[in-house]
PDB file of N, CA and C in Angstrom:
ATOM      1  N   UNK A   1      97.484  98.306  12.438  1.00  0.00           N
ATOM      2  CA  UNK A   1      98.088  99.420  12.034  1.00  0.00           C
ATOM      3  C   UNK A   1      98.614 100.423  13.097  1.00  0.00           C
ATOM      4  N   UNK A   2      99.390 100.446  14.013  1.00  0.00           N
ATOM      5  CA  UNK A   2      99.558 101.102  14.504  1.00  0.00           C
ATOM      6  C   UNK A   2     100.871 102.369  14.347  1.00  0.00           C
ATOM      7  N   UNK A   3     100.874 103.358  14.341  1.00  0.00           N
ATOM      8  CA  UNK A   3     101.404 104.598  13.713  1.00  0.00           C
ATOM      9  C   UNK A   3     101.260 105.314  14.615  1.00  0.00           C
ATOM     10  N   UNK A   4     102.650 106.825  14.760  1.00  0.00           N
ATOM     11  CA  UNK A   4     102.557 107.970  15.432  1.00  0.00           C
ATOM     12  C   UNK A   4     102.127 108.776  14.534  1.00  0.00           C
ATOM     13  N   UNK A   5     100.924 109.061  15.068  1.00  0.00           N
ATOM     14  CA  UNK A   5      99.799 109.768  14.165  1.00  0.00           C
ATOM     15  C   UNK A   5     100.561 111.694  14.323  1.00  0.00           C
ATOM     16  N   UNK A   6     100.355 112.801  13.508  1.00  0.00           N
ATOM     17  CA  UNK A   6     100.411 113.997  13.642  1.00  0.00           C
ATOM     18  C   UNK A   6      99.576 114.683  12.581  1.00  0.00           C
ATOM     19  N   UNK A   7      99.018 115.503  12.622  1.00  0.00           N
ATOM     20  CA  UNK A   7      98.605 116.401  11.442  1.00  0.00           C
ATOM     21  C   UNK A   7      99.596 116.549  10.834  1.00  0.00           C
ATOM     22  N   UNK A   8      99.851 116.438   9.369  1.00  0.00           N
ATOM     23  CA  UNK A   8     101.014 117.257   8.583  1.00  0.00           C
ATOM     24  C   UNK A   8     100.525 118.725   8.210  1.00  0.00           C
ATOM     25  N   UNK A   9     100.927 119.589   7.959  1.00  0.00           N
ATOM     26  CA  UNK A   9     100.759 121.037   7.400  1.00  0.00           C
ATOM     27  C   UNK A   9     101.459 120.976   5.931  1.00  0.00           C
ATOM     28  N   UNK A  10     100.521 121.017   5.005  1.00  0.00           N
ATOM     29  CA  UNK A  10     100.907 121.044   3.623  1.00  0.00           C
ATOM     30  C   UNK A  10     102.015 121.773   3.065  1.00  0.00           C
ATOM     31  N   UNK A  11     103.087 120.936   2.330  1.00  0.00           N
ATOM     32  CA  UNK A  11     104.146 121.763   1.874  1.00  0.00           C
ATOM     33  C   UNK A  11     103.971 123.469   1.825  1.00  0.00           C
ATOM     34  N   UNK A  12     105.041 124.068   1.816  1.00  0.00           N
ATOM     35  CA  UNK A  12     105.441 125.417   1.920  1.00  0.00           C
ATOM     36  C   UNK A  12     105.459 125.908   0.813  1.00  0.00           C
ATOM     37  N   UNK A  13     104.423 126.673  -0.137  1.00  0.00           N
ATOM     38  CA  UNK A  13     104.958 127.311  -0.933  1.00  0.00           C
ATOM     39  C   UNK A  13     103.926 126.131  -2.328  1.00  0.00           C
ATOM     40  N   UNK A  14     103.223 125.399  -1.804  1.00  0.00           N
ATOM     41  CA  UNK A  14     101.953 124.647  -2.517  1.00  0.00           C
ATOM     42  C   UNK A  14     100.970 125.523  -3.192  1.00  0.00           C
ATOM     43  N   UNK A  15     100.861 125.260  -4.285  1.00  0.00           N
ATOM     44  CA  UNK A  15     100.311 125.618  -5.843  1.00  0.00           C
ATOM     45  C   UNK A  15      98.365 124.971  -5.050  1.00  0.00           C
ATOM     46  N   UNK A  16      98.333 124.144  -4.391  1.00  0.00           N
ATOM     47  CA  UNK A  16      97.622 123.495  -4.264  1.00  0.00           C
ATOM     48  C   UNK A  16      96.581 123.046  -5.704  1.00  0.00           C
ATOM     49  N   UNK A  17      97.478 123.069  -6.496  1.00  0.00           N
ATOM     50  CA  UNK A  17      96.451 122.087  -7.560  1.00  0.00           C
ATOM     51  C   UNK A  17      97.066 120.435  -7.165  1.00  0.00           C
ATOM     52  N   UNK A  18      96.496 119.491  -7.375  1.00  0.00           N
ATOM     53  CA  UNK A  18      96.448 118.471  -7.573  1.00  0.00           C
ATOM     54  C   UNK A  18      96.520 117.242  -8.444  1.00  0.00           C
ATOM     55  N   UNK A  19      97.421 115.945  -8.578  1.00  0.00           N
ATOM     56  CA  UNK A  19      97.268 115.509  -9.979  1.00  0.00           C
ATOM     57  C   UNK A  19      96.129 114.728  -9.433  1.00  0.00           C
ATOM     58  N   UNK A  20      94.870 114.274  -9.764  1.00  0.00           N
ATOM     59  CA  UNK A  20      93.919 113.453  -9.029  1.00  0.00           C
ATOM     60  C   UNK A  20      93.912 112.244 -10.183  1.00  0.00           C
ATOM     61  N   UNK A  21      94.278 112.280 -11.190  1.00  0.00           N
ATOM     62  CA  UNK A  21      94.622 111.177 -11.763  1.00  0.00           C
ATOM     63  C   UNK A  21      95.582 110.088 -11.157  1.00  0.00           C
ATOM     64  N   UNK A  22      96.558 110.638 -10.947  1.00  0.00           N
ATOM     65  CA  UNK A  22      97.828 109.575  -9.865  1.00  0.00           C
ATOM     66  C   UNK A  22      97.120 109.587  -8.774  1.00  0.00           C
ATOM     67  N   UNK A  23      96.592 110.262  -8.113  1.00  0.00           N
ATOM     68  CA  UNK A  23      95.969 110.010  -6.952  1.00  0.00           C
ATOM     69  C   UNK A  23      94.937 108.738  -6.997  1.00  0.00           C
ATOM     70  N   UNK A  24      94.045 109.151  -7.779  1.00  0.00           N
ATOM     71  CA  UNK A  24      93.312 107.862  -8.098  1.00  0.00           C
ATOM     72  C   UNK A  24      94.123 106.844  -8.525  1.00  0.00           C
ATOM     73  N   UNK A  25      95.012 106.450  -9.162  1.00  0.00           N
ATOM     74  CA  UNK A  25      96.030 105.402  -9.236  1.00  0.00           C
ATOM     75  C   UNK A  25      96.241 104.926  -8.199  1.00  0.00           C
ATOM     76  N   UNK A  26      97.535 105.699  -7.235  1.00  0.00           N
ATOM     77  CA  UNK A  26      97.430 105.457  -6.114  1.00  0.00           C
ATOM     78  C   UNK A  26      96.636 105.009  -4.769  1.00  0.00           C
ATOM     79  N   UNK A  27      95.436 104.822  -5.075  1.00  0.00           N
ATOM     80  CA  UNK A  27      94.114 104.968  -4.283  1.00  0.00           C
ATOM     81  C   UNK A  27      93.712 103.365  -4.636  1.00  0.00           C
ATOM     82  N   UNK A  28      93.852 103.463  -6.289  1.00  0.00           N
ATOM     83  CA  UNK A  28      93.075 102.173  -6.919  1.00  0.00           C
ATOM     84  C   UNK A  28      94.270 101.324  -6.552  1.00  0.00           C
ATOM     85  N   UNK A  29      95.928 101.234  -6.152  1.00  0.00           N
ATOM     86  CA  UNK A  29      96.848  99.925  -5.751  1.00  0.00           C
ATOM     87  C   UNK A  29      96.574  99.967  -4.423  1.00  0.00           C
ATOM     88  N   UNK A  30      96.157 100.853  -3.260  1.00  0.00           N
ATOM     89  CA  UNK A  30      95.883 100.426  -2.037  1.00  0.00           C
ATOM     90  C   UNK A  30      94.696  99.655  -1.844  1.00  0.00           C
ATOM     91  N   UNK A  31      93.714  99.775  -3.080  1.00  0.00           N
ATOM     92  CA  UNK A  31      92.481  99.044  -2.622  1.00  0.00           C
ATOM     93  C   UNK A  31      92.358  97.620  -2.583  1.00  0.00           C
ATOM     94  N   UNK A  32      93.107  97.335  -2.347  1.00  0.00           N
ATOM     95  CA  UNK A  32      93.743  95.327  -1.712  1.00  0.00           C
ATOM     96  C   UNK A  32      93.814  94.979  -1.056  1.00  0.00           C
ATOM     97  N   UNK A  33      93.222  94.358  -0.247  1.00  0.00           N
ATOM     98  CA  UNK A  33      93.626  93.990   1.645  1.00  0.00           C
ATOM     99  C   UNK A  33      95.330  93.547   1.390  1.00  0.00           C
ATOM    100  N   UNK A  34      95.543  92.712   0.870  1.00  0.00           N
ATOM    101  CA  UNK A  34      96.809  92.308   0.487  1.00  0.00           C
ATOM    102  C   UNK A  34      97.676  93.168   0.363  1.00  0.00           C
ATOM    103  N   UNK A  35      97.862  94.057  -0.409  1.00  0.00           N
ATOM    104  CA  UNK A  35      98.731  95.508  -0.750  1.00  0.00           C
ATOM    105  C   UNK A  35      98.656  96.067   0.818  1.00  0.00           C
ATOM    106  N   UNK A  36      97.859  96.201   1.107  1.00  0.00           N
ATOM    107  CA  UNK A  36      97.566  97.151   2.325  1.00  0.00           C
ATOM    108  C   UNK A  36      98.525  96.284   3.586  1.00  0.00           C
ATOM    109  N   UNK A  37      98.759  95.178   3.583  1.00  0.00           N
ATOM    110  CA  UNK A  37      99.396  94.325   4.500  1.00  0.00           C
ATOM    111  C   UNK A  37     100.688  94.343   4.265  1.00  0.00           C
ATOM    112  N   UNK A  38     101.053  94.321   2.787  1.00  0.00           N
ATOM    113  CA  UNK A  38     102.494  94.968   2.407  1.00  0.00           C
ATOM    114  C   UNK A  38     102.811  96.123   2.930  1.00  0.00           C
ATOM    115  N   UNK A  39     102.210  97.583   2.625  1.00  0.00           N
ATOM    116  CA  UNK A  39     102.819  98.451   2.570  1.00  0.00           C
ATOM    117  C   UNK A  39     102.687  98.721   4.272  1.00  0.00           C
ATOM    118  N   UNK A  40     102.048  97.844   4.943  1.00  0.00           N
ATOM    119  CA  UNK A  40     102.049  98.175   6.639  1.00  0.00           C
ATOM    120  C   UNK A  40     103.400  97.499   6.689  1.00  0.00           C
ATOM    121  N   UNK A  41     103.380  96.487   6.055  1.00  0.00           N
ATOM    122  CA  UNK A  41     104.746  95.662   6.628  1.00  0.00           C
ATOM    123  C   UNK A  41     106.090  96.073   6.604  1.00  0.00           C
ATOM    124  N   UNK A  42     106.104  97.175   5.221  1.00  0.00           N
ATOM    125  CA  UNK A  42     107.459  97.778   4.908  1.00  0.00           C
ATOM    126  C   UNK A  42     107.829  99.137   6.047  1.00  0.00           C
ATOM    127  N   UNK A  43     106.397  99.266   6.552  1.00  0.00           N
ATOM    128  CA  UNK A  43     107.069 100.292   7.425  1.00  0.00           C
ATOM    129  C   UNK A  43     107.283  99.886   8.831  1.00  0.00           C
ATOM    130  N   UNK A  44     107.451  98.910   8.662  1.00  0.00           N
ATOM    131  CA  UNK A  44     108.583  98.877  10.194  1.00  0.00           C
ATOM    132  C   UNK A  44     109.975  98.203   9.803  1.00  0.00           C
ATOM    133  N   UNK A  45     110.464  98.359   8.425  1.00  0.00           N
ATOM    134  CA  UNK A  45     111.328  98.016   7.703  1.00  0.00           C
ATOM    135  C   UNK A  45     111.648  97.455   6.479  1.00  0.00           C
ATOM    136  N   UNK A  46     112.344  97.722   5.643  1.00  0.00           N
ATOM    137  CA  UNK A  46     112.308  96.567   3.904  1.00  0.00           C
ATOM    138  C   UNK A  46     112.422  94.777   4.197  1.00  0.00           C
ATOM    139  N   UNK A  47     111.481  94.396   3.108  1.00  0.00           N
ATOM    140  CA  UNK A  47     110.900  93.164   2.961  1.00  0.00           C
ATOM    141  C   UNK A  47     111.508  92.701   1.790  1.00  0.00           C
ATOM    142  N   UNK A  48     111.713  91.212   1.923  1.00  0.00           N
ATOM    143  CA  UNK A  48     112.119  90.864   0.073  1.00  0.00           C
ATOM    144  C   UNK A  48     110.994  89.962   0.562  1.00  0.00           C
ATOM    145  N   UNK A  49     110.693  89.562  -1.556  1.00  0.00           N
ATOM    146  CA  UNK A  49     109.390  88.965  -1.535  1.00  0.00           C
ATOM    147  C   UNK A  49     108.682  87.476  -0.403  1.00  0.00           C
ATOM    148  N   UNK A  50     109.904  86.625  -0.195  1.00  0.00           N
ATOM    149  CA  UNK A  50     110.099  85.898   0.575  1.00  0.00           C
ATOM    150  C   UNK A  50     109.355  85.837   2.021  1.00  0.00           C
ATOM    151  N   UNK A  51     109.519  87.253   2.335  1.00  0.00           N
ATOM    152  CA  UNK A  51     109.359  87.212   3.701  1.00  0.00           C
ATOM    153  C   UNK A  51     108.077  87.662   3.666  1.00  0.00           C
ATOM    154  N   UNK A  52     107.728  88.147   2.233  1.00  0.00           N
ATOM    155  CA  UNK A  52     105.800  88.813   2.472  1.00  0.00           C
ATOM    156  C   UNK A  52     105.157  87.875   1.918  1.00  0.00           C
ATOM    157  N   UNK A  53     105.636  86.639   1.210  1.00  0.00           N
ATOM    158  CA  UNK A  53     105.004  85.662   0.818  1.00  0.00           C
ATOM    159  C   UNK A  53     104.697  84.754   2.165  1.00  0.00           C
ATOM    160  N   UNK A  54     105.415  84.531   3.077  1.00  0.00           N
ATOM    161  CA  UNK A  54     105.399  83.899   4.295  1.00  0.00           C
ATOM    162  C   UNK A  54     103.987  84.703   5.124  1.00  0.00           C
ATOM    163  N   UNK A  55     103.975  86.327   5.012  1.00  0.00           N
ATOM    164  CA  UNK A  55     103.201  86.821   5.663  1.00  0.00           C
ATOM    165  C   UNK A  55     102.164  86.624   5.414  1.00  0.00           C
ATOM    166  N   UNK A  56     101.840  86.895   4.099  1.00  0.00           N
ATOM    167  CA  UNK A  56     100.952  86.815   2.769  1.00  0.00           C
ATOM    168  C   UNK A  56      99.722  85.460   3.437  1.00  0.00           C
ATOM    169  N   UNK A  57     100.782  84.425   3.160  1.00  0.00           N
ATOM    170  CA  UNK A  57     100.071  82.839   2.985  1.00  0.00           C
ATOM    171  C   UNK A  57     100.100  82.789   1.333  1.00  0.00           C
ATOM    172  N   UNK A  58     100.351  83.680   0.699  1.00  0.00           N
ATOM    173  CA  UNK A  58     100.330  83.557  -0.725  1.00  0.00           C
ATOM    174  C   UNK A  58     101.303  82.949  -1.681  1.00  0.00           C
ATOM    175  N   UNK A  59     100.980  82.736  -3.036  1.00  0.00           N
ATOM    176  CA  UNK A  59     102.280  82.293  -3.563  1.00  0.00           C
ATOM    177  C   UNK A  59     103.042  83.204  -3.807  1.00  0.00           C
ATOM    178  N   UNK A  60     104.290  82.915  -4.634  1.00  0.00           N
ATOM    179  CA  UNK A  60     105.573  83.914  -4.650  1.00  0.00           C
ATOM    180  C   UNK A  60     105.121  84.871  -5.744  1.00  0.00           C
ATOM    181  N   UNK A  61     104.767  84.432  -6.985  1.00  0.00           N
ATOM    182  CA  UNK A  61     104.291  85.215  -8.200  1.00  0.00           C
ATOM    183  C   UNK A  61     102.858  85.846  -7.553  1.00  0.00           C
ATOM    184  N   UNK A  62     102.336  85.644  -6.663  1.00  0.00           N
ATOM    185  CA  UNK A  62     101.037  86.683  -6.864  1.00  0.00           C
ATOM    186  C   UNK A  62     101.566  88.195  -5.893  1.00  0.00           C
ATOM    187  N   UNK A  63     102.182  87.541  -4.672  1.00  0.00           N
ATOM    188  CA  UNK A  63     102.998  88.614  -4.018  1.00  0.00           C
ATOM    189  C   UNK A  63     103.836  89.878  -5.122  1.00  0.00           C
ATOM    190  N   UNK A  64     104.660  88.794  -5.623  1.00  0.00           N
ATOM    191  CA  UNK A  64     105.442  89.603  -6.703  1.00  0.00           C
ATOM    192  C   UNK A  64     104.440  91.015  -7.521  1.00  0.00           C
ATOM    193  N   UNK A  65     103.623  90.187  -8.160  1.00  0.00           N
ATOM    194  CA  UNK A  65     102.475  91.189  -9.335  1.00  0.00           C
ATOM    195  C   UNK A  65     102.020  91.932  -8.125  1.00  0.00           C
ATOM    196  N   UNK A  66     101.479  91.900  -6.734  1.00  0.00           N
ATOM    197  CA  UNK A  66     101.149  93.268  -5.891  1.00  0.00           C
ATOM    198  C   UNK A  66     102.471  93.993  -6.065  1.00  0.00           C
ATOM    199  N   UNK A  67     103.726  93.976  -5.590  1.00  0.00           N
ATOM    200  CA  UNK A  67     104.522  94.545  -5.096  1.00  0.00           C
ATOM    201  C   UNK A  67     104.922  95.190  -6.513  1.00  0.00           C
ATOM    202  N   UNK A  68     104.513  94.749  -8.068  1.00  0.00           N
ATOM    203  CA  UNK A  68     104.471  95.761  -8.841  1.00  0.00           C
ATOM    204  C   UNK A  68     103.729  96.037  -9.189  1.00  0.00           C
ATOM    205  N   UNK A  69     102.717  96.436  -8.636  1.00  0.00           N
ATOM    206  CA  UNK A  69     101.557  97.744  -8.521  1.00  0.00           C
ATOM    207  C   UNK A  69     101.981  98.785  -7.657  1.00  0.00           C
ATOM    208  N   UNK A  70     102.395  98.350  -6.500  1.00  0.00           N
ATOM    209  CA  UNK A  70     102.586  99.440  -5.445  1.00  0.00           C
ATOM    210  C   UNK A  70     103.960 100.083  -6.065  1.00  0.00           C
ATOM    211  N   UNK A  71     104.659  99.237  -6.699  1.00  0.00           N
ATOM    212  CA  UNK A  71     106.064  99.902  -7.066  1.00  0.00           C
ATOM    213  C   UNK A  71     105.532 100.991  -8.152  1.00  0.00           C
ATOM    214  N   UNK A  72     105.170 100.285  -9.052  1.00  0.00           N
ATOM    215  CA  UNK A  72     104.304 101.594 -10.012  1.00  0.00           C
ATOM    216  C   UNK A  72     103.819 103.087 -10.010  1.00  0.00           C
ATOM    217  N   UNK A  73     103.202 102.873  -8.930  1.00  0.00           N
ATOM    218  CA  UNK A  73     102.528 104.104  -8.818  1.00  0.00           C
ATOM    219  C   UNK A  73     103.477 104.712  -8.031  1.00  0.00           C
ATOM    220  N   UNK A  74     105.004 104.513  -7.033  1.00  0.00           N
ATOM    221  CA  UNK A  74     105.161 105.134  -6.177  1.00  0.00           C
ATOM    222  C   UNK A  74     105.594 104.935  -5.188  1.00  0.00           C
ATOM    223  N   UNK A  75     104.376 103.694  -4.667  1.00  0.00           N
ATOM    224  CA  UNK A  75     104.796 103.635  -3.016  1.00  0.00           C
ATOM    225  C   UNK A  75     105.721 102.770  -2.522  1.00  0.00           C
ATOM    226  N   UNK A  76     106.316 102.160  -3.401  1.00  0.00           N
ATOM    227  CA  UNK A  76     107.736 100.954  -2.219  1.00  0.00           C
ATOM    228  C   UNK A  76     108.687 101.772  -3.661  1.00  0.00           C
ATOM    229  N   UNK A  77     109.887 101.692  -2.972  1.00  0.00           N
ATOM    230  CA  UNK A  77     111.172 101.443  -3.740  1.00  0.00           C
ATOM    231  C   UNK A  77     111.731  99.882  -4.036  1.00  0.00           C
ATOM    232  N   UNK A  78     112.481  99.518  -4.628  1.00  0.00           N
ATOM    233  CA  UNK A  78     113.048  97.796  -4.635  1.00  0.00           C
ATOM    234  C   UNK A  78     114.711  98.311  -4.823  1.00  0.00           C
ATOM    235  N   UNK A  79     115.369  97.121  -4.175  1.00  0.00           N
ATOM    236  CA  UNK A  79     116.500  97.615  -4.596  1.00  0.00           C
ATOM    237  C   UNK A  79     117.088  95.851  -4.300  1.00  0.00           C
ATOM    238  N   UNK A  80     118.087  95.308  -5.947  1.00  0.00           N
ATOM    239  CA  UNK A  80     118.153  94.380  -5.652  1.00  0.00           C
ATOM    240  C   UNK A  80     119.859  94.035  -4.879  1.00  0.00           C
ATOM    241  N   UNK A  81     119.577  92.729  -4.283  1.00  0.00           N
ATOM    242  CA  UNK A  81     120.500  92.546  -3.802  1.00  0.00           C
ATOM    243  C   UNK A  81     121.306  90.891  -4.082  1.00  0.00           C
ATOM    244  N   UNK A  82     121.906  90.728  -4.995  1.00  0.00           N
ATOM    245  CA  UNK A  82     122.438  89.413  -4.950  1.00  0.00           C
ATOM    246  C   UNK A  82     121.372  88.603  -6.285  1.00  0.00           C
ATOM    247  N   UNK A  83     120.758  87.352  -5.119  1.00  0.00           N
ATOM    248  CA  UNK A  83     119.499  87.348  -5.835  1.00  0.00           C
ATOM    249  C   UNK A  83     118.099  87.491  -5.574  1.00  0.00           C
ATOM    250  N   UNK A  84     117.921  88.407  -4.482  1.00  0.00           N
ATOM    251  CA  UNK A  84     116.652  89.172  -3.723  1.00  0.00           C
ATOM    252  C   UNK A  84     116.963  90.769  -4.215  1.00  0.00           C
ATOM    253  N   UNK A  85     115.562  90.871  -4.190  1.00  0.00           N
ATOM    254  CA  UNK A  85     114.803  92.157  -4.154  1.00  0.00           C
ATOM    255  C   UNK A  85     113.763  92.705  -2.714  1.00  0.00           C
ATOM    256  N   UNK A  86     114.589  93.667  -2.228  1.00  0.00           N
ATOM    257  CA  UNK A  86     114.138  94.237  -1.303  1.00  0.00           C
ATOM    258  C   UNK A  86     113.120  95.226  -1.268  1.00  0.00           C
ATOM    259  N   UNK A  87     112.134  95.406  -0.676  1.00  0.00           N
ATOM    260  CA  UNK A  87     111.268  96.399  -0.897  1.00  0.00           C
ATOM    261  C   UNK A  87     111.069  97.672   0.382  1.00  0.00           C
ATOM    262  N   UNK A  88     111.131  98.822  -0.041  1.00  0.00           N
ATOM    263  CA  UNK A  88     111.149  99.248   1.536  1.00  0.00           C
ATOM    264  C   UNK A  88     109.585 100.688   1.047  1.00  0.00           C
ATOM    265  N   UNK A  89     109.504 101.076   1.897  1.00  0.00           N
ATOM    266  CA  UNK A  89     108.556 102.639   1.562  1.00  0.00           C
ATOM    267  C   UNK A  89     109.584 103.758   1.125  1.00  0.00           C
ATOM    268  N   UNK A  90     108.268 103.931  -0.263  1.00  0.00           N
ATOM    269  CA  UNK A  90     109.133 104.721  -0.965  1.00  0.00           C
ATOM    270  C   UNK A  90     108.584 106.511  -0.272  1.00  0.00           C
ATOM    271  N   UNK A  91     107.422 106.752  -0.154  1.00  0.00           N
ATOM    272  CA  UNK A  91     107.006 108.082   0.402  1.00  0.00           C
ATOM    273  C   UNK A  91     106.353 107.331   2.315  1.00  0.00           C
ATOM    274  N   UNK A  92     107.160 108.035   2.609  1.00  0.00           N
ATOM    275  CA  UNK A  92     106.256 107.847   4.050  1.00  0.00           C
ATOM    276  C   UNK A  92     105.385 108.510   4.572  1.00  0.00           C
ATOM    277  N   UNK A  93     105.509 109.562   4.001  1.00  0.00           N
ATOM    278  CA  UNK A  93     103.629 110.622   3.857  1.00  0.00           C
ATOM    279  C   UNK A  93     102.411 109.654   4.004  1.00  0.00           C
ATOM    280  N   UNK A  94     102.743 108.660   3.545  1.00  0.00           N
ATOM    281  CA  UNK A  94     101.471 107.614   3.107  1.00  0.00           C
ATOM    282  C   UNK A  94     101.040 106.999   4.712  1.00  0.00           C
ATOM    283  N   UNK A  95     102.445 106.996   5.277  1.00  0.00           N
ATOM    284  CA  UNK A  95     101.422 106.611   6.880  1.00  0.00           C
ATOM    285  C   UNK A  95     100.863 107.617   7.863  1.00  0.00           C
ATOM    286  N   UNK A  96     100.271 108.595   6.803  1.00  0.00           N
ATOM    287  CA  UNK A  96      99.579 109.560   7.650  1.00  0.00           C
ATOM    288  C   UNK A  96      97.972 108.714   6.925  1.00  0.00           C
ATOM    289  N   UNK A  97      98.016 108.418   5.580  1.00  0.00           N
ATOM    290  CA  UNK A  97      96.913 107.903   5.206  1.00  0.00           C
ATOM    291  C   UNK A  97      96.443 106.477   6.289  1.00  0.00           C
ATOM    292  N   UNK A  98      97.064 105.789   6.714  1.00  0.00           N
ATOM    293  CA  UNK A  98      97.422 104.927   7.901  1.00  0.00           C
ATOM    294  C   UNK A  98      96.279 105.343   8.707  1.00  0.00           C
ATOM    295  N   UNK A  99      97.018 106.273   9.374  1.00  0.00           N
ATOM    296  CA  UNK A  99      96.511 107.009  10.807  1.00  0.00           C
ATOM    297  C   UNK A  99      95.200 107.757  10.438  1.00  0.00           C
ATOM    298  N   UNK A 100      94.950 108.135   9.561  1.00  0.00           N
ATOM    299  CA  UNK A 100      93.798 108.347   8.865  1.00  0.00           C
ATOM    300  C   UNK A 100      92.555 106.851   8.874  1.00  0.00           C
ATOM    301  N   UNK A 101      93.036 106.215   8.244  1.00  0.00           N
ATOM    302  CA  UNK A 101      92.021 105.323   8.616  1.00  0.00           C
ATOM    303  C   UNK A 101      92.209 104.271   9.899  1.00  0.00           C
ATOM    304  N   UNK A 102      93.237 104.351  10.145  1.00  0.00           N
ATOM    305  CA  UNK A 102      92.977 103.858  11.892  1.00  0.00           C
ATOM    306  C   UNK A 102      91.833 104.818  12.520  1.00  0.00           C
ATOM    307  N   UNK A 103      91.609 105.976  12.245  1.00  0.00           N
ATOM    308  CA  UNK A 103      90.458 106.735  12.951  1.00  0.00           C
ATOM    309  C   UNK A 103      89.436 106.645  12.435  1.00  0.00           C
ATOM    310  N   UNK A 104      89.005 105.913  11.514  1.00  0.00           N
ATOM    311  CA  UNK A 104      87.917 105.901  11.054  1.00  0.00           C
ATOM    312  C   UNK A 104      87.370 104.428  11.393  1.00  0.00           C
ATOM    313  N   UNK A 105      88.355 103.764  11.834  1.00  0.00           N
ATOM    314  CA  UNK A 105      88.151 102.114  12.339  1.00  0.00           C
ATOM    315  C   UNK A 105      87.680 102.606  13.926  1.00  0.00           C
ATOM    316  N   UNK A 106      88.399 103.470  14.495  1.00  0.00           N
ATOM    317  CA  UNK A 106      88.532 103.680  15.875  1.00  0.00           C
ATOM    318  C   UNK A 106      87.063 104.529  16.585  1.00  0.00           C
ATOM    319  N   UNK A 107      86.481 105.221  15.262  1.00  0.00           N
ATOM    320  CA  UNK A 107      85.258 105.843  15.875  1.00  0.00           C
ATOM    321  C   UNK A 107      84.149 105.223  16.010  1.00  0.00           C
ATOM    322  N   UNK A 108      83.921 103.640  15.300  1.00  0.00           N
ATOM    323  CA  UNK A 108      83.183 102.939  15.284  1.00  0.00           C
ATOM    324  C   UNK A 108      81.901 103.242  14.642  1.00  0.00           C
ATOM    325  N   UNK A 109      82.267 104.271  13.605  1.00  0.00           N
ATOM    326  CA  UNK A 109      80.838 103.823  12.753  1.00  0.00           C
ATOM    327  C   UNK A 109      81.010 103.175  12.078  1.00  0.00           C
ATOM    328  N   UNK A 110      79.712 102.712  11.501  1.00  0.00           N
ATOM    329  CA  UNK A 110      79.357 101.784  10.604  1.00  0.00           C
ATOM    330  C   UNK A 110      79.235 102.917   9.356  1.00  0.00           C
ATOM    331  N   UNK A 111      80.233 102.249   7.807  1.00  0.00           N
ATOM    332  CA  UNK A 111      79.504 102.834   6.766  1.00  0.00           C
ATOM    333  C   UNK A 111      78.310 102.020   6.278  1.00  0.00           C
ATOM    334  N   UNK A 112      77.710 100.838   6.742  1.00  0.00           N
ATOM    335  CA  UNK A 112      76.537  99.980   5.915  1.00  0.00           C
ATOM    336  C   UNK A 112      75.518 100.527   6.580  1.00  0.00           C
TER     337      UNK A 112
END
């Protein structure tokens, strides 16, 4: 996961109130390594199920299920073109989380 990282300031006018249930559902969706690979792949451009199936080495129904989970929590958007559905990142701010995860990996601390 290599992305250009910078600290993002909170939105102007934000009340500071967060919907932690919604946040938990997003983290739950991201708690699967295959879904993280999918999110990382779509940061580089939109992808169809066939592309992601090849990338992950999983069957198409499994990849479709992962995509549904990510779409249902608002991480991905989908667009049908003919017989194919293309997926793209709906919330680019998610890249900040990936940068944060990179920081955890790079600092060398072991959670165990």
